[in-house]
PDB file of N, CA and C in Angstrom:
ATOM      1  N   MET A   1       8.763  89.623 -17.547  1.00  0.00           N
ATOM      2  CA  MET A   1       8.766  88.303 -16.944  1.00  0.00           C
ATOM      3  C   MET A   1       7.680  87.415 -17.557  1.00  0.00           C
ATOM      4  N   ARG A   2       6.547  88.000 -17.821  1.00  0.00           N
ATOM      5  CA  ARG A   2       5.438  87.237 -18.385  1.00  0.00           C
ATOM      6  C   ARG A   2       5.795  86.721 -19.793  1.00  0.00           C
ATOM      7  N   LYS A   3       6.507  87.527 -20.557  1.00  0.00           N
ATOM      8  CA  LYS A   3       6.922  87.142 -21.890  1.00  0.00           C
ATOM      9  C   LYS A   3       7.851  85.922 -21.824  1.00  0.00           C
ATOM     10  N   PHE A   4       8.721  85.901 -20.844  1.00  0.00           N
ATOM     11  CA  PHE A   4       9.674  84.811 -20.665  1.00  0.00           C
ATOM     12  C   PHE A   4       8.948  83.505 -20.336  1.00  0.00           C
ATOM     13  N   THR A   5       7.999  83.546 -19.406  1.00  0.00           N
ATOM     14  CA  THR A   5       7.263  82.335 -19.032  1.00  0.00           C
ATOM     15  C   THR A   5       6.381  81.843 -20.184  1.00  0.00           C
ATOM     16  N   THR A   6       5.847  82.765 -20.954  1.00  0.00           N
ATOM     17  CA  THR A   6       5.040  82.373 -22.118  1.00  0.00           C
ATOM     18  C   THR A   6       5.901  81.664 -23.146  1.00  0.00           C
ATOM     19  N   ARG A   7       7.113  82.159 -23.370  1.00  0.00           N
ATOM     20  CA  ARG A   7       8.020  81.515 -24.315  1.00  0.00           C
ATOM     21  C   ARG A   7       8.414  80.118 -23.844  1.00  0.00           C
ATOM     22  N   ILE A   8       8.667  79.973 -22.561  1.00  0.00           N
ATOM     23  CA  ILE A   8       9.024  78.667 -22.004  1.00  0.00           C
ATOM     24  C   ILE A   8       7.835  77.715 -22.122  1.00  0.00           C
ATOM     25  N   TYR A   9       6.627  78.203 -21.799  1.00  0.00           N
ATOM     26  CA  TYR A   9       5.426  77.391 -21.894  1.00  0.00           C
ATOM     27  C   TYR A   9       5.188  76.945 -23.339  1.00  0.00           C
ATOM     28  N   THR A  10       5.369  77.859 -24.296  1.00  0.00           N
ATOM     29  CA  THR A  10       5.178  77.543 -25.710  1.00  0.00           C
ATOM     30  C   THR A  10       6.197  76.516 -26.180  1.00  0.00           C
ATOM     31  N   LYS A  11       7.440  76.692 -25.779  1.00  0.00           N
ATOM     32  CA  LYS A  11       8.497  75.753 -26.164  1.00  0.00           C
ATOM     33  C   LYS A  11       8.243  74.364 -25.555  1.00  0.00           C
ATOM     34  N   ALA A  12       7.811  74.316 -24.304  1.00  0.00           N
ATOM     35  CA  ALA A  12       7.512  73.040 -23.649  1.00  0.00           C
ATOM     36  C   ALA A  12       6.336  72.352 -24.339  1.00  0.00           C
ATOM     37  N   ASN A  13       5.328  73.119 -24.698  1.00  0.00           N
ATOM     38  CA  ASN A  13       4.181  72.564 -25.417  1.00  0.00           C
ATOM     39  C   ASN A  13       4.601  72.001 -26.765  1.00  0.00           C
ATOM     40  N   TYR A  14       5.455  72.718 -27.466  1.00  0.00           N
ATOM     41  CA  TYR A  14       5.956  72.280 -28.764  1.00  0.00           C
ATOM     42  C   TYR A  14       6.715  70.957 -28.633  1.00  0.00           C
ATOM     43  N   LEU A  15       7.597  70.873 -27.647  1.00  0.00           N
ATOM     44  CA  LEU A  15       8.359  69.647 -27.436  1.00  0.00           C
ATOM     45  C   LEU A  15       7.457  68.485 -27.026  1.00  0.00           C
ATOM     46  N   LEU A  16       6.446  68.767 -26.220  1.00  0.00           N
ATOM     47  CA  LEU A  16       5.505  67.738 -25.801  1.00  0.00           C
ATOM     48  C   LEU A  16       4.720  67.207 -27.007  1.00  0.00           C
ATOM     49  N   ASN A  17       4.250  68.115 -27.848  1.00  0.00           N
ATOM     50  CA  ASN A  17       3.519  67.695 -29.050  1.00  0.00           C
ATOM     51  C   ASN A  17       4.422  66.936 -30.024  1.00  0.00           C
ATOM     52  N   LEU A  18       5.664  67.365 -30.130  1.00  0.00           N
ATOM     53  CA  LEU A  18       6.623  66.675 -30.986  1.00  0.00           C
ATOM     54  C   LEU A  18       6.856  65.241 -30.496  1.00  0.00           C
ATOM     55  N   GLY A  19       6.967  65.072 -29.204  1.00  0.00           N
ATOM     56  CA  GLY A  19       7.125  63.735 -28.616  1.00  0.00           C
ATOM     57  C   GLY A  19       5.900  62.872 -28.831  1.00  0.00           C
ATOM     58  N   ARG A  20       4.726  63.444 -28.685  1.00  0.00           N
ATOM     59  CA  ARG A  20       3.484  62.696 -28.919  1.00  0.00           C
ATOM     60  C   ARG A  20       3.393  62.232 -30.369  1.00  0.00           C
ATOM     61  N   MET A  21       3.746  63.099 -31.295  1.00  0.00           N
ATOM     62  CA  MET A  21       3.696  62.727 -32.708  1.00  0.00           C
ATOM     63  C   MET A  21       4.712  61.629 -33.025  1.00  0.00           C
ATOM     64  N   ALA A  22       5.878  61.710 -32.419  1.00  0.00           N
ATOM     65  CA  ALA A  22       6.904  60.691 -32.663  1.00  0.00           C
ATOM     66  C   ALA A  22       6.472  59.338 -32.114  1.00  0.00           C
ATOM     67  N   LEU A  23       5.806  59.335 -30.965  1.00  0.00           N
ATOM     68  CA  LEU A  23       5.368  58.078 -30.370  1.00  0.00           C
ATOM     69  C   LEU A  23       4.172  57.477 -31.099  1.00  0.00           C
ATOM     70  N   SER A  24       3.342  58.305 -31.690  1.00  0.00           N
ATOM     71  CA  SER A  24       2.161  57.785 -32.383  1.00  0.00           C
ATOM     72  C   SER A  24       2.431  57.487 -33.848  1.00  0.00           C
ATOM     73  N   ASN A  25       3.631  57.769 -34.329  1.00  0.00           N
ATOM     74  CA  ASN A  25       3.979  57.532 -35.723  1.00  0.00           C
ATOM     75  C   ASN A  25       4.150  56.038 -35.956  1.00  0.00           C
ATOM     76  N   GLN A  26       3.398  55.490 -36.913  1.00  0.00           N
ATOM     77  CA  GLN A  26       3.472  54.063 -37.203  1.00  0.00           C
ATOM     78  C   GLN A  26       3.722  53.819 -38.685  1.00  0.00           C
ATOM     79  N   ARG A  27       4.375  54.715 -39.344  1.00  0.00           N
ATOM     80  CA  ARG A  27       4.589  54.582 -40.780  1.00  0.00           C
ATOM     81  C   ARG A  27       5.474  53.391 -41.126  1.00  0.00           C
ATOM     82  N   GLY A  28       6.555  53.166 -40.401  1.00  0.00           N
ATOM     83  CA  GLY A  28       7.486  52.096 -40.728  1.00  0.00           C
ATOM     84  C   GLY A  28       7.095  50.750 -40.153  1.00  0.00           C
ATOM     85  N   ASP A  29       6.104  50.726 -39.283  1.00  0.00           N
ATOM     86  CA  ASP A  29       5.699  49.494 -38.620  1.00  0.00           C
ATOM     87  C   ASP A  29       5.198  48.464 -39.616  1.00  0.00           C
ATOM     88  N   PHE A  30       4.481  48.879 -40.619  1.00  0.00           N
ATOM     89  CA  PHE A  30       3.914  47.971 -41.609  1.00  0.00           C
ATOM     90  C   PHE A  30       5.008  47.234 -42.372  1.00  0.00           C
ATOM     91  N   TYR A  31       6.030  47.944 -42.784  1.00  0.00           N
ATOM     92  CA  TYR A  31       7.099  47.340 -43.573  1.00  0.00           C
ATOM     93  C   TYR A  31       7.932  46.370 -42.748  1.00  0.00           C
ATOM     94  N   ILE A  32       8.176  46.716 -41.506  1.00  0.00           N
ATOM     95  CA  ILE A  32       8.976  45.844 -40.643  1.00  0.00           C
ATOM     96  C   ILE A  32       8.229  44.544 -40.365  1.00  0.00           C
ATOM     97  N   SER A  33       6.947  44.631 -40.040  1.00  0.00           N
ATOM     98  CA  SER A  33       6.189  43.423 -39.735  1.00  0.00           C
ATOM     99  C   SER A  33       6.035  42.546 -40.971  1.00  0.00           C
ATOM    100  N   ASP A  34       5.879  43.161 -42.140  1.00  0.00           N
ATOM    101  CA  ASP A  34       5.798  42.373 -43.370  1.00  0.00           C
ATOM    102  C   ASP A  34       7.116  41.675 -43.665  1.00  0.00           C
ATOM    103  N   ALA A  35       8.217  42.346 -43.439  1.00  0.00           N
ATOM    104  CA  ALA A  35       9.525  41.733 -43.680  1.00  0.00           C
ATOM    105  C   ALA A  35       9.739  40.547 -42.744  1.00  0.00           C
ATOM    106  N   VAL A  36       9.340  40.687 -41.502  1.00  0.00           N
ATOM    107  CA  VAL A  36       9.489  39.590 -40.538  1.00  0.00           C
ATOM    108  C   VAL A  36       8.617  38.412 -40.953  1.00  0.00           C
ATOM    109  N   LYS A  37       7.404  38.682 -41.415  1.00  0.00           N
ATOM    110  CA  LYS A  37       6.521  37.599 -41.866  1.00  0.00           C
ATOM    111  C   LYS A  37       7.109  36.868 -43.060  1.00  0.00           C
ATOM    112  N   ILE A  38       7.693  37.603 -43.990  1.00  0.00           N
ATOM    113  CA  ILE A  38       8.288  36.983 -45.169  1.00  0.00           C
ATOM    114  C   ILE A  38       9.483  36.112 -44.779  1.00  0.00           C
ATOM    115  N   ILE A  39      10.314  36.615 -43.887  1.00  0.00           N
ATOM    116  CA  ILE A  39      11.478  35.844 -43.439  1.00  0.00           C
ATOM    117  C   ILE A  39      11.039  34.565 -42.740  1.00  0.00           C
ATOM    118  N   ILE A  40      10.032  34.653 -41.884  1.00  0.00           N
ATOM    119  CA  ILE A  40       9.528  33.468 -41.181  1.00  0.00           C
ATOM    120  C   ILE A  40       8.967  32.462 -42.177  1.00  0.00           C
ATOM    121  N   ALA A  41       8.226  32.936 -43.174  1.00  0.00           N
ATOM    122  CA  ALA A  41       7.649  32.035 -44.178  1.00  0.00           C
ATOM    123  C   ALA A  41       8.740  31.333 -44.983  1.00  0.00           C
ATOM    124  N   VAL A  42       9.786  32.047 -45.346  1.00  0.00           N
ATOM    125  CA  VAL A  42      10.874  31.441 -46.116  1.00  0.00           C
ATOM    126  C   VAL A  42      11.605  30.390 -45.281  1.00  0.00           C
ATOM    127  N   VAL A  43      11.875  30.690 -44.037  1.00  0.00           N
ATOM    128  CA  VAL A  43      12.582  29.739 -43.169  1.00  0.00           C
ATOM    129  C   VAL A  43      11.729  28.497 -42.930  1.00  0.00           C
ATOM    130  N   LEU A  44      10.434  28.689 -42.646  1.00  0.00           N
ATOM    131  CA  LEU A  44       9.562  27.534 -42.430  1.00  0.00           C
ATOM    132  C   LEU A  44       9.411  26.700 -43.698  1.00  0.00           C
ATOM    133  N   GLY A  45       9.342  27.350 -44.852  1.00  0.00           N
ATOM    134  CA  GLY A  45       9.261  26.627 -46.112  1.00  0.00           C
ATOM    135  C   GLY A  45      10.506  25.803 -46.371  1.00  0.00           C
ATOM    136  N   ALA A  46      11.665  26.373 -46.092  1.00  0.00           N
ATOM    137  CA  ALA A  46      12.921  25.638 -46.282  1.00  0.00           C
ATOM    138  C   ALA A  46      13.013  24.442 -45.336  1.00  0.00           C
ATOM    139  N   LEU A  47      12.580  24.630 -44.097  1.00  0.00           N
ATOM    140  CA  LEU A  47      12.590  23.512 -43.148  1.00  0.00           C
ATOM    141  C   LEU A  47      11.629  22.408 -43.571  1.00  0.00           C
ATOM    142  N   LEU A  48      10.458  22.786 -44.049  1.00  0.00           N
ATOM    143  CA  LEU A  48       9.485  21.801 -44.507  1.00  0.00           C
ATOM    144  C   LEU A  48       9.999  21.045 -45.727  1.00  0.00           C
ATOM    145  N   LEU A  49      10.601  21.748 -46.657  1.00  0.00           N
ATOM    146  CA  LEU A  49      11.170  21.108 -47.839  1.00  0.00           C
ATOM    147  C   LEU A  49      12.292  20.147 -47.462  1.00  0.00           C
ATOM    148  N   ALA A  50      13.153  20.549 -46.540  1.00  0.00           N
ATOM    149  CA  ALA A  50      14.241  19.677 -46.094  1.00  0.00           C
ATOM    150  C   ALA A  50      13.690  18.438 -45.393  1.00  0.00           C
ATOM    151  N   ALA A  51      12.664  18.612 -44.585  1.00  0.00           N
ATOM    152  CA  ALA A  51      12.081  17.472 -43.878  1.00  0.00           C
ATOM    153  C   ALA A  51      11.429  16.500 -44.855  1.00  0.00           C
ATOM    154  N   LEU A  52      10.692  17.013 -45.825  1.00  0.00           N
ATOM    155  CA  LEU A  52      10.057  16.133 -46.813  1.00  0.00           C
ATOM    156  C   LEU A  52      11.085  15.404 -47.665  1.00  0.00           C
ATOM    157  N   THR A  53      12.138  16.105 -48.052  1.00  0.00           N
ATOM    158  CA  THR A  53      13.199  15.462 -48.829  1.00  0.00           C
ATOM    159  C   THR A  53      13.857  14.348 -48.027  1.00  0.00           C
ATOM    160  N   LEU A  54      14.114  14.593 -46.768  1.00  0.00           N
ATOM    161  CA  LEU A  54      14.726  13.579 -45.904  1.00  0.00           C
ATOM    162  C   LEU A  54      13.814  12.364 -45.750  1.00  0.00           C
ATOM    163  N   ILE A  55      12.525  12.611 -45.546  1.00  0.00           N
ATOM    164  CA  ILE A  55      11.580  11.505 -45.380  1.00  0.00           C
ATOM    165  C   ILE A  55      11.500  10.682 -46.658  1.00  0.00           C
ATOM    166  N   PHE A  56      11.359  11.352 -47.802  1.00  0.00           N
ATOM    167  CA  PHE A  56      11.234  10.618 -49.060  1.00  0.00           C
ATOM    168  C   PHE A  56      12.500   9.852 -49.401  1.00  0.00           C
ATOM    169  N   ASN A  57      13.657  10.460 -49.210  1.00  0.00           N
ATOM    170  CA  ASN A  57      14.903   9.793 -49.587  1.00  0.00           C
ATOM    171  C   ASN A  57      15.257   8.636 -48.657  1.00  0.00           C
ATOM    172  N   ASP A  58      14.899   8.725 -47.402  1.00  0.00           N
ATOM    173  CA  ASP A  58      15.301   7.695 -46.442  1.00  0.00           C
ATOM    174  C   ASP A  58      14.268   6.599 -46.228  1.00  0.00           C
ATOM    175  N   THR A  59      13.000   6.867 -46.398  1.00  0.00           N
ATOM    176  CA  THR A  59      11.987   5.854 -46.081  1.00  0.00           C
ATOM    177  C   THR A  59      11.085   5.503 -47.254  1.00  0.00           C
ATOM    178  N   VAL A  60      10.544   6.486 -47.916  1.00  0.00           N
ATOM    179  CA  VAL A  60       9.524   6.219 -48.932  1.00  0.00           C
ATOM    180  C   VAL A  60      10.122   5.584 -50.188  1.00  0.00           C
ATOM    181  N   ILE A  61      11.140   6.203 -50.745  1.00  0.00           N
ATOM    182  CA  ILE A  61      11.714   5.703 -52.002  1.00  0.00           C
ATOM    183  C   ILE A  61      12.352   4.326 -51.832  1.00  0.00           C
ATOM    184  N   PRO A  62      13.128   4.059 -50.764  1.00  0.00           N
ATOM    185  CA  PRO A  62      13.647   2.680 -50.606  1.00  0.00           C
ATOM    186  C   PRO A  62      12.537   1.653 -50.415  1.00  0.00           C
ATOM    187  N   ARG A  63      11.481   2.057 -49.738  1.00  0.00           N
ATOM    188  CA  ARG A  63      10.363   1.122 -49.526  1.00  0.00           C
ATOM    189  C   ARG A  63       9.661   0.818 -50.851  1.00  0.00           C
ATOM    190  N   ILE A  64       9.444   1.848 -51.677  1.00  0.00           N
ATOM    191  CA  ILE A  64       8.817   1.641 -52.986  1.00  0.00           C
ATOM    192  C   ILE A  64       9.709   0.770 -53.865  1.00  0.00           C
ATOM    193  N   THR A  65      10.995   1.044 -53.850  1.00  0.00           N
ATOM    194  CA  THR A  65      11.945   0.248 -54.636  1.00  0.00           C
ATOM    195  C   THR A  65      11.927  -1.210 -54.184  1.00  0.00           C
ATOM    196  N   GLU A  66      11.888  -1.433 -52.902  1.00  0.00           N
ATOM    197  CA  GLU A  66      11.847  -2.801 -52.357  1.00  0.00           C
ATOM    198  C   GLU A  66      10.575  -3.515 -52.776  1.00  0.00           C
ATOM    199  N   GLU A  67       9.463  -2.838 -52.730  1.00  0.00           N
ATOM    200  CA  GLU A  67       8.177  -3.457 -53.105  1.00  0.00           C
ATOM    201  C   GLU A  67       8.154  -3.794 -54.600  1.00  0.00           C
ATOM    202  N   ILE A  68       8.677  -2.883 -55.427  1.00  0.00           N
ATOM    203  CA  ILE A  68       8.704  -3.136 -56.870  1.00  0.00           C
ATOM    204  C   ILE A  68       9.630  -4.310 -57.194  1.00  0.00           C
ATOM    205  N   GLU A  69      10.773  -4.392 -56.545  1.00  0.00           N
ATOM    206  CA  GLU A  69      11.704  -5.505 -56.779  1.00  0.00           C
ATOM    207  C   GLU A  69      11.107  -6.819 -56.323  1.00  0.00           C
ATOM    208  N   SER A  70      10.331  -6.775 -55.239  1.00  0.00           N
ATOM    209  CA  SER A  70       9.703  -8.025 -54.769  1.00  0.00           C
ATOM    210  C   SER A  70       8.591  -8.489 -55.714  1.00  0.00           C
ATOM    211  N   LEU A  71       7.956  -7.560 -56.416  1.00  0.00           N
ATOM    212  CA  LEU A  71       6.927  -7.934 -57.371  1.00  0.00           C
ATOM    213  C   LEU A  71       7.520  -8.631 -58.598  1.00  0.00           C
ATOM    214  N   PHE A  72       8.673  -8.183 -59.039  1.00  0.00           N
ATOM    215  CA  PHE A  72       9.259  -8.718 -60.264  1.00  0.00           C
ATOM    216  C   PHE A  72      10.323  -9.773 -60.015  1.00  0.00           C
ATOM    217  N   SER A  73      10.613 -10.099 -58.788  1.00  0.00           N
ATOM    218  CA  SER A  73      11.636 -11.111 -58.506  1.00  0.00           C
ATOM    219  C   SER A  73      11.070 -12.492 -58.348  1.00  0.00           C
TER     220      SER A  73
END
């Protein structure tokens, strides 16, 4: 009987340690967080580029063109 309980205790300890190691494993965390940062940077960069293009095409360039035409007219 003692041999049986020792085997159960050993197996339970093994499973408990295996679970602890799995929960404390952070090997893939670095790659996932870096990928998310890169995706966020690309999306924000694209939005900023689109906003600047819209501002320049709709307000700045027509205003500059108007001022230059008024100087030479």
